[in-house]
Amino acid sequence: MSDREISDREPRLVAIIPCNDLDAAEAWWNRLGFRRPPDQDYPGYRMLADDEGSEVHLNQSAEGWVVPSHNPFGVYLYTRRVAQIAAAMRGFVIEPGKAPEHKPWGMYECALHGPDGLLVRIGWPSRLVEG
């Protein structure tokens, strides 16, 4: 969890993502700006946060539970950094244009192929995107 106490924040929901390889998954999320506090060392469980207050928890999955080619899990990250993340993670962008785009439902977004086949959508409301 981030360095802020739960009592100092509004209620929120944090995704717990099962992973086959915690180290690889954490390294992938690090590229999106998520970090684990240096003093956190829980076997089989990692709590990561970014500078904007988003969090994701990674949990070591039971063997055979997460099949990357058939992973039904997905998460959505709301952030102003859509274009920045898409550029840094271009090789993982699954849209045909390999770039974020304005969607008919009013979001500027892209989808990434995450660790273990996880769908990771990155988006921000189109009306709030400059340019």
C-alpha atoms as a PDB file:
ATOM      1  CA  MET A   1       0.000   0.000   0.000  1.00  0.00           C
ATOM      2  CA  SER A   2       1.113   3.581  -0.506  1.00  0.00           C
ATOM      3  CA  ASP A   3       2.600   5.595   2.334  1.00  0.00           C
ATOM      4  CA  ARG A   4      -0.763   7.229   3.056  1.00  0.00           C
ATOM      5  CA  GLU A   5      -2.916   5.587   5.669  1.00  0.00           C
ATOM      6  CA  ILE A   6      -6.280   4.165   4.679  1.00  0.00           C
ATOM      7  CA  SER A   7      -7.992   6.430   7.227  1.00  0.00           C
ATOM      8  CA  ASP A   8      -6.690   9.471   5.305  1.00  0.00           C
ATOM      9  CA  ARG A   9      -8.359   8.427   2.039  1.00  0.00           C
ATOM     10  CA  GLU A  10     -11.779   8.047   0.550  1.00  0.00           C
ATOM     11  CA  PRO A  11     -13.097   4.510   0.094  1.00  0.00           C
ATOM     12  CA  ARG A  12     -11.626   2.850  -2.982  1.00  0.00           C
ATOM     13  CA  LEU A  13     -11.263  -0.423  -4.802  1.00  0.00           C
ATOM     14  CA  VAL A  14      -7.893  -2.033  -5.487  1.00  0.00           C
ATOM     15  CA  ALA A  15      -7.468  -4.907  -7.953  1.00  0.00           C
ATOM     16  CA  ILE A  16      -5.728  -8.058  -6.733  1.00  0.00           C
ATOM     17  CA  ILE A  17      -4.121  -9.647  -9.773  1.00  0.00           C
ATOM     18  CA  PRO A  18      -3.051 -13.294  -9.771  1.00  0.00           C
ATOM     19  CA  CYS A  19       0.383 -13.766 -11.383  1.00  0.00           C
ATOM     20  CA  ASN A  20       2.447 -16.749 -12.435  1.00  0.00           C
ATOM     21  CA  ASP A  21       5.722 -14.846 -11.996  1.00  0.00           C
ATOM     22  CA  LEU A  22       5.606 -12.085  -9.378  1.00  0.00           C
ATOM     23  CA  ASP A  23       9.026 -10.665 -10.269  1.00  0.00           C
ATOM     24  CA  ALA A  24       8.167 -10.374 -13.973  1.00  0.00           C
ATOM     25  CA  ALA A  25       4.737  -8.877 -13.217  1.00  0.00           C
ATOM     26  CA  GLU A  26       6.203  -6.346 -10.805  1.00  0.00           C
ATOM     27  CA  ALA A  27       8.842  -5.316 -13.349  1.00  0.00           C
ATOM     28  CA  TRP A  28       6.095  -4.816 -15.953  1.00  0.00           C
ATOM     29  CA  TRP A  29       4.040  -2.632 -13.587  1.00  0.00           C
ATOM     30  CA  ASN A  30       7.201  -0.704 -12.674  1.00  0.00           C
ATOM     31  CA  ARG A  31       7.349   0.415 -16.322  1.00  0.00           C
ATOM     32  CA  LEU A  32       3.903   1.981 -15.815  1.00  0.00           C
ATOM     33  CA  GLY A  33       5.181   3.895 -12.773  1.00  0.00           C
ATOM     34  CA  PHE A  34       4.010   1.544 -10.017  1.00  0.00           C
ATOM     35  CA  ARG A  35       6.426   0.865  -7.171  1.00  0.00           C
ATOM     36  CA  ARG A  36       6.524  -1.235  -4.030  1.00  0.00           C
ATOM     37  CA  PRO A  37       7.704   0.442  -0.824  1.00  0.00           C
ATOM     38  CA  PRO A  38      11.264  -0.698  -0.018  1.00  0.00           C
ATOM     39  CA  ASP A  39      10.280  -2.058   3.393  1.00  0.00           C
ATOM     40  CA  GLN A  40       7.505  -4.268   2.013  1.00  0.00           C
ATOM     41  CA  ASP A  41       8.424  -7.932   1.707  1.00  0.00           C
ATOM     42  CA  TYR A  42       5.456 -10.264   1.917  1.00  0.00           C
ATOM     43  CA  PRO A  43       5.981 -13.716   0.441  1.00  0.00           C
ATOM     44  CA  GLY A  44       3.678 -14.203  -2.532  1.00  0.00           C
ATOM     45  CA  TYR A  45       2.047 -10.759  -2.346  1.00  0.00           C
ATOM     46  CA  ARG A  46       3.111  -7.316  -3.591  1.00  0.00           C
ATOM     47  CA  MET A  47       1.302  -3.993  -3.128  1.00  0.00           C
ATOM     48  CA  LEU A  48       2.290  -1.401  -5.711  1.00  0.00           C
ATOM     49  CA  ALA A  49       1.259   2.243  -6.065  1.00  0.00           C
ATOM     50  CA  ASP A  50       1.949   5.048  -8.508  1.00  0.00           C
ATOM     51  CA  ASP A  51       2.482   8.756  -7.803  1.00  0.00           C
ATOM     52  CA  GLU A  52      -1.171   9.509  -8.652  1.00  0.00           C
ATOM     53  CA  GLY A  53      -2.571   7.285  -5.909  1.00  0.00           C
ATOM     54  CA  SER A  54      -3.544   4.259  -8.013  1.00  0.00           C
ATOM     55  CA  GLU A  55      -2.728   0.891  -6.543  1.00  0.00           C
ATOM     56  CA  VAL A  56      -2.510  -2.676  -7.731  1.00  0.00           C
ATOM     57  CA  HIS A  57      -1.834  -5.784  -5.689  1.00  0.00           C
ATOM     58  CA  LEU A  58      -0.041  -8.776  -7.198  1.00  0.00           C
ATOM     59  CA  ASN A  59      -0.676 -12.223  -5.779  1.00  0.00           C
ATOM     60  CA  GLN A  60       1.208 -15.424  -6.588  1.00  0.00           C
ATOM     61  CA  SER A  61      -1.350 -17.638  -8.309  1.00  0.00           C
ATOM     62  CA  ALA A  62      -1.790 -21.310  -7.683  1.00  0.00           C
ATOM     63  CA  GLU A  63      -0.031 -23.403 -10.311  1.00  0.00           C
ATOM     64  CA  GLY A  64      -2.140 -23.754 -13.448  1.00  0.00           C
ATOM     65  CA  TRP A  65      -4.780 -21.240 -12.332  1.00  0.00           C
ATOM     66  CA  VAL A  66      -3.750 -18.396 -14.651  1.00  0.00           C
ATOM     67  CA  VAL A  67      -3.325 -19.543 -18.247  1.00  0.00           C
ATOM     68  CA  PRO A  68      -1.879 -16.573 -20.202  1.00  0.00           C
ATOM     69  CA  SER A  69      -3.541 -17.507 -23.500  1.00  0.00           C
ATOM     70  CA  HIS A  70      -6.939 -17.692 -21.766  1.00  0.00           C
ATOM     71  CA  ASN A  71      -6.651 -15.073 -19.012  1.00  0.00           C
ATOM     72  CA  PRO A  72     -10.139 -13.682 -18.283  1.00  0.00           C
ATOM     73  CA  PHE A  73      -8.863 -10.897 -16.014  1.00  0.00           C
ATOM     74  CA  GLY A  74      -8.586  -7.225 -16.859  1.00  0.00           C
ATOM     75  CA  VAL A  75      -8.076  -3.883 -15.123  1.00  0.00           C
ATOM     76  CA  TYR A  76      -8.652  -0.260 -16.117  1.00  0.00           C
ATOM     77  CA  LEU A  77      -6.211   2.461 -15.107  1.00  0.00           C
ATOM     78  CA  TYR A  78      -7.632   5.989 -15.190  1.00  0.00           C
ATOM     79  CA  THR A  79      -4.735   8.392 -15.690  1.00  0.00           C
ATOM     80  CA  ARG A  80      -3.848  11.567 -17.547  1.00  0.00           C
ATOM     81  CA  ARG A  81      -0.659   9.783 -18.665  1.00  0.00           C
ATOM     82  CA  VAL A  82      -2.360   7.750 -21.423  1.00  0.00           C
ATOM     83  CA  ALA A  83      -0.125   8.947 -24.288  1.00  0.00           C
ATOM     84  CA  GLN A  84       3.033   8.752 -22.168  1.00  0.00           C
ATOM     85  CA  ILE A  85       2.317   5.188 -21.055  1.00  0.00           C
ATOM     86  CA  ALA A  86       1.300   4.090 -24.561  1.00  0.00           C
ATOM     87  CA  ALA A  87       4.576   5.435 -25.969  1.00  0.00           C
ATOM     88  CA  ALA A  88       6.654   3.722 -23.267  1.00  0.00           C
ATOM     89  CA  MET A  89       4.730   0.450 -23.636  1.00  0.00           C
ATOM     90  CA  ARG A  90       4.222   0.521 -27.425  1.00  0.00           C
ATOM     91  CA  GLY A  91       5.238  -3.120 -27.808  1.00  0.00           C
ATOM     92  CA  PHE A  92       2.403  -4.136 -25.476  1.00  0.00           C
ATOM     93  CA  VAL A  93      -0.334  -1.968 -27.077  1.00  0.00           C
ATOM     94  CA  ILE A  94      -2.886  -4.269 -28.714  1.00  0.00           C
ATOM     95  CA  GLU A  95      -4.779  -1.673 -30.779  1.00  0.00           C
ATOM     96  CA  PRO A  96      -4.059  -1.866 -34.533  1.00  0.00           C
ATOM     97  CA  GLY A  97      -2.527   1.632 -34.574  1.00  0.00           C
ATOM     98  CA  LYS A  98      -0.307   0.888 -31.539  1.00  0.00           C
ATOM     99  CA  ALA A  99      -1.422   4.231 -30.065  1.00  0.00           C
ATOM    100  CA  PRO A 100      -4.240   5.562 -27.898  1.00  0.00           C
ATOM    101  CA  GLU A 101      -7.343   6.872 -29.599  1.00  0.00           C
ATOM    102  CA  HIS A 102     -10.569   8.650 -28.749  1.00  0.00           C
ATOM    103  CA  LYS A 103     -13.281   6.015 -28.381  1.00  0.00           C
ATOM    104  CA  PRO A 104     -17.006   6.498 -29.115  1.00  0.00           C
ATOM    105  CA  TRP A 105     -17.782   6.086 -25.397  1.00  0.00           C
ATOM    106  CA  GLY A 106     -15.880   9.293 -24.607  1.00  0.00           C
ATOM    107  CA  MET A 107     -12.540   7.932 -23.444  1.00  0.00           C
ATOM    108  CA  TYR A 108      -9.046   8.517 -24.805  1.00  0.00           C
ATOM    109  CA  GLU A 109      -7.530   5.086 -24.271  1.00  0.00           C
ATOM    110  CA  CYS A 110      -5.472   2.138 -25.343  1.00  0.00           C
ATOM    111  CA  ALA A 111      -5.305  -1.479 -24.286  1.00  0.00           C
ATOM    112  CA  LEU A 112      -2.137  -3.303 -23.278  1.00  0.00           C
ATOM    113  CA  HIS A 113      -1.242  -6.975 -23.179  1.00  0.00           C
ATOM    114  CA  GLY A 114      -0.099  -7.280 -19.576  1.00  0.00           C
ATOM    115  CA  PRO A 115       1.658  -9.978 -17.577  1.00  0.00           C
ATOM    116  CA  ASP A 116       0.158 -13.452 -17.983  1.00  0.00           C
ATOM    117  CA  GLY A 117      -2.186 -12.169 -20.716  1.00  0.00           C
ATOM    118  CA  LEU A 118      -3.893  -9.645 -18.426  1.00  0.00           C
ATOM    119  CA  LEU A 119      -5.907  -6.993 -20.291  1.00  0.00           C
ATOM    120  CA  VAL A 120      -4.801  -3.565 -19.043  1.00  0.00           C
ATOM    121  CA  ARG A 121      -6.792  -0.616 -20.362  1.00  0.00           C
ATOM    122  CA  ILE A 122      -5.336   2.850 -19.860  1.00  0.00           C
ATOM    123  CA  GLY A 123      -7.690   5.784 -20.300  1.00  0.00           C
ATOM    124  CA  TRP A 124      -8.839   9.286 -19.509  1.00  0.00           C
ATOM    125  CA  PRO A 125     -12.034  11.150 -20.495  1.00  0.00           C
ATOM    126  CA  SER A 126     -11.662  12.589 -24.007  1.00  0.00           C
ATOM    127  CA  ARG A 127     -13.179  15.912 -22.929  1.00  0.00           C
ATOM    128  CA  LEU A 128     -10.265  16.379 -20.486  1.00  0.00           C
ATOM    129  CA  VAL A 129      -7.501  15.588 -22.981  1.00  0.00           C
ATOM    130  CA  GLU A 130      -5.690  18.615 -24.335  1.00  0.00           C
ATOM    131  CA  GLY A 131      -4.932  18.814 -28.038  1.00  0.00           C
END
